[in-house]
Amino acid sequence: MNKEQEAIYEAYFELFGSKGWKNYLVTVKEEKENTITKTIYDARTEHDLGRAQGAIHYLDLVLNLENTIETMYDETKRQDKEEHDKNY
């Protein structure tokens, strides 16, 4: 992992540890629940359902971002270790 990648991961981890991020996730979770509930009662067409599915997909991306970044970081570290071990 180069220094630029490390700096990016560090920035993400700093963000994920902040109170603002935790508060944002609460808001996103509430929005997802509201979207699901509203869709159940208000969707009248396939287009309405599709829009709601798109919104829910986006909200899930945000909710899973921390886990996704941590997985990518762990995989990068694992690959770096394998490369290092292979060269020695």
C-alpha atoms as a PDB file:
ATOM      1  CA  MET A   1       0.000   0.000   0.000  1.00  0.00           C
ATOM      2  CA  ASN A   2       1.449   3.352  -0.919  1.00  0.00           C
ATOM      3  CA  LYS A   3       1.362   6.477   1.237  1.00  0.00           C
ATOM      4  CA  GLU A   4      -1.524   8.013  -0.709  1.00  0.00           C
ATOM      5  CA  GLN A   5      -3.690   4.923  -0.187  1.00  0.00           C
ATOM      6  CA  GLU A   6      -2.764   4.852   3.488  1.00  0.00           C
ATOM      7  CA  ALA A   7      -3.769   8.497   3.851  1.00  0.00           C
ATOM      8  CA  ILE A   8      -7.126   7.787   2.217  1.00  0.00           C
ATOM      9  CA  TYR A   9      -7.831   4.867   4.554  1.00  0.00           C
ATOM     10  CA  GLU A  10      -6.765   6.936   7.563  1.00  0.00           C
ATOM     11  CA  ALA A  11      -9.175   9.694   6.519  1.00  0.00           C
ATOM     12  CA  TYR A  12     -12.000   7.176   6.222  1.00  0.00           C
ATOM     13  CA  PHE A  13     -11.214   5.661   9.626  1.00  0.00           C
ATOM     14  CA  GLU A  14     -11.129   9.117  11.180  1.00  0.00           C
ATOM     15  CA  LEU A  15     -14.515   9.860   9.617  1.00  0.00           C
ATOM     16  CA  PHE A  16     -16.003   6.564  10.810  1.00  0.00           C
ATOM     17  CA  GLY A  17     -14.867   7.289  14.373  1.00  0.00           C
ATOM     18  CA  SER A  18     -16.514  10.700  14.483  1.00  0.00           C
ATOM     19  CA  LYS A  19     -19.729  11.557  16.261  1.00  0.00           C
ATOM     20  CA  GLY A  20     -20.986  13.209  13.082  1.00  0.00           C
ATOM     21  CA  TRP A  21     -20.694   9.937  11.152  1.00  0.00           C
ATOM     22  CA  LYS A  22     -22.564   8.037  13.864  1.00  0.00           C
ATOM     23  CA  ASN A  23     -25.323  10.663  13.822  1.00  0.00           C
ATOM     24  CA  TYR A  24     -25.461  10.541  10.032  1.00  0.00           C
ATOM     25  CA  LEU A  25     -25.912   6.752  10.099  1.00  0.00           C
ATOM     26  CA  VAL A  26     -28.860   7.124  12.483  1.00  0.00           C
ATOM     27  CA  THR A  27     -30.457   9.551  10.021  1.00  0.00           C
ATOM     28  CA  VAL A  28     -29.797   7.249   7.056  1.00  0.00           C
ATOM     29  CA  LYS A  29     -31.259   4.237   8.899  1.00  0.00           C
ATOM     30  CA  GLU A  30     -34.388   6.231   9.732  1.00  0.00           C
ATOM     31  CA  GLU A  31     -34.687   7.361   6.116  1.00  0.00           C
ATOM     32  CA  LYS A  32     -34.377   3.767   4.911  1.00  0.00           C
ATOM     33  CA  GLU A  33     -37.093   2.597   7.302  1.00  0.00           C
ATOM     34  CA  ASN A  34     -39.337   5.492   6.258  1.00  0.00           C
ATOM     35  CA  THR A  35     -38.762   4.754   2.570  1.00  0.00           C
ATOM     36  CA  ILE A  36     -39.626   1.078   3.034  1.00  0.00           C
ATOM     37  CA  THR A  37     -42.764   1.889   5.023  1.00  0.00           C
ATOM     38  CA  LYS A  38     -43.870   4.624   2.601  1.00  0.00           C
ATOM     39  CA  THR A  39     -43.326   2.338  -0.387  1.00  0.00           C
ATOM     40  CA  ILE A  40     -45.446  -0.406   1.118  1.00  0.00           C
ATOM     41  CA  TYR A  41     -48.387   1.972   1.449  1.00  0.00           C
ATOM     42  CA  ASP A  42     -47.858   4.470  -1.369  1.00  0.00           C
ATOM     43  CA  ALA A  43     -46.315   2.652  -4.354  1.00  0.00           C
ATOM     44  CA  ARG A  44     -48.927   2.557  -7.082  1.00  0.00           C
ATOM     45  CA  THR A  45     -46.844   1.684 -10.126  1.00  0.00           C
ATOM     46  CA  GLU A  46     -43.727  -0.254 -11.022  1.00  0.00           C
ATOM     47  CA  HIS A  47     -42.023   3.104 -11.524  1.00  0.00           C
ATOM     48  CA  ASP A  48     -42.791   4.081  -7.909  1.00  0.00           C
ATOM     49  CA  LEU A  49     -41.416   0.754  -6.726  1.00  0.00           C
ATOM     50  CA  GLY A  50     -38.285   1.124  -8.856  1.00  0.00           C
ATOM     51  CA  ARG A  51     -37.581   4.603  -7.481  1.00  0.00           C
ATOM     52  CA  ALA A  52     -37.935   3.314  -3.935  1.00  0.00           C
ATOM     53  CA  GLN A  53     -35.643   0.363  -4.662  1.00  0.00           C
ATOM     54  CA  GLY A  54     -33.034   2.761  -6.048  1.00  0.00           C
ATOM     55  CA  ALA A  55     -33.257   4.948  -2.951  1.00  0.00           C
ATOM     56  CA  ILE A  56     -32.977   1.944  -0.653  1.00  0.00           C
ATOM     57  CA  HIS A  57     -29.971   0.662  -2.615  1.00  0.00           C
ATOM     58  CA  TYR A  58     -28.203   4.015  -2.200  1.00  0.00           C
ATOM     59  CA  LEU A  59     -29.005   4.126   1.524  1.00  0.00           C
ATOM     60  CA  ASP A  60     -27.621   0.586   1.907  1.00  0.00           C
ATOM     61  CA  LEU A  61     -24.402   1.683   0.189  1.00  0.00           C
ATOM     62  CA  VAL A  62     -23.980   4.410   2.801  1.00  0.00           C
ATOM     63  CA  LEU A  63     -24.878   2.090   5.675  1.00  0.00           C
ATOM     64  CA  ASN A  64     -22.351  -0.503   4.469  1.00  0.00           C
ATOM     65  CA  LEU A  65     -19.558   1.927   3.590  1.00  0.00           C
ATOM     66  CA  GLU A  66     -17.624   1.465   6.824  1.00  0.00           C
ATOM     67  CA  ASN A  67     -17.632  -2.325   6.506  1.00  0.00           C
ATOM     68  CA  THR A  68     -16.716  -2.107   2.815  1.00  0.00           C
ATOM     69  CA  ILE A  69     -13.734   0.173   3.478  1.00  0.00           C
ATOM     70  CA  GLU A  70     -12.543  -1.987   6.379  1.00  0.00           C
ATOM     71  CA  THR A  71     -12.740  -5.099   4.182  1.00  0.00           C
ATOM     72  CA  MET A  72     -10.815  -3.370   1.395  1.00  0.00           C
ATOM     73  CA  TYR A  73      -8.177  -2.200   3.887  1.00  0.00           C
ATOM     74  CA  ASP A  74      -7.783  -5.681   5.382  1.00  0.00           C
ATOM     75  CA  GLU A  75      -7.499  -7.232   1.916  1.00  0.00           C
ATOM     76  CA  THR A  76      -4.875  -4.682   0.859  1.00  0.00           C
ATOM     77  CA  LYS A  77      -2.862  -5.343   4.025  1.00  0.00           C
ATOM     78  CA  ARG A  78      -3.126  -9.102   3.439  1.00  0.00           C
ATOM     79  CA  GLN A  79      -1.912  -8.738  -0.145  1.00  0.00           C
ATOM     80  CA  ASP A  80       0.958  -6.518   0.984  1.00  0.00           C
ATOM     81  CA  LYS A  81       1.996  -9.130   3.536  1.00  0.00           C
ATOM     82  CA  GLU A  82       1.834 -11.901   0.944  1.00  0.00           C
ATOM     83  CA  GLU A  83       3.999  -9.855  -1.425  1.00  0.00           C
ATOM     84  CA  HIS A  84       6.459  -9.116   1.357  1.00  0.00           C
ATOM     85  CA  ASP A  85       6.612 -12.764   2.442  1.00  0.00           C
ATOM     86  CA  LYS A  86       7.014 -13.914  -1.161  1.00  0.00           C
ATOM     87  CA  ASN A  87       9.998 -11.623  -1.653  1.00  0.00           C
ATOM     88  CA  TYR A  88      11.811 -12.856   1.458  1.00  0.00           C
END
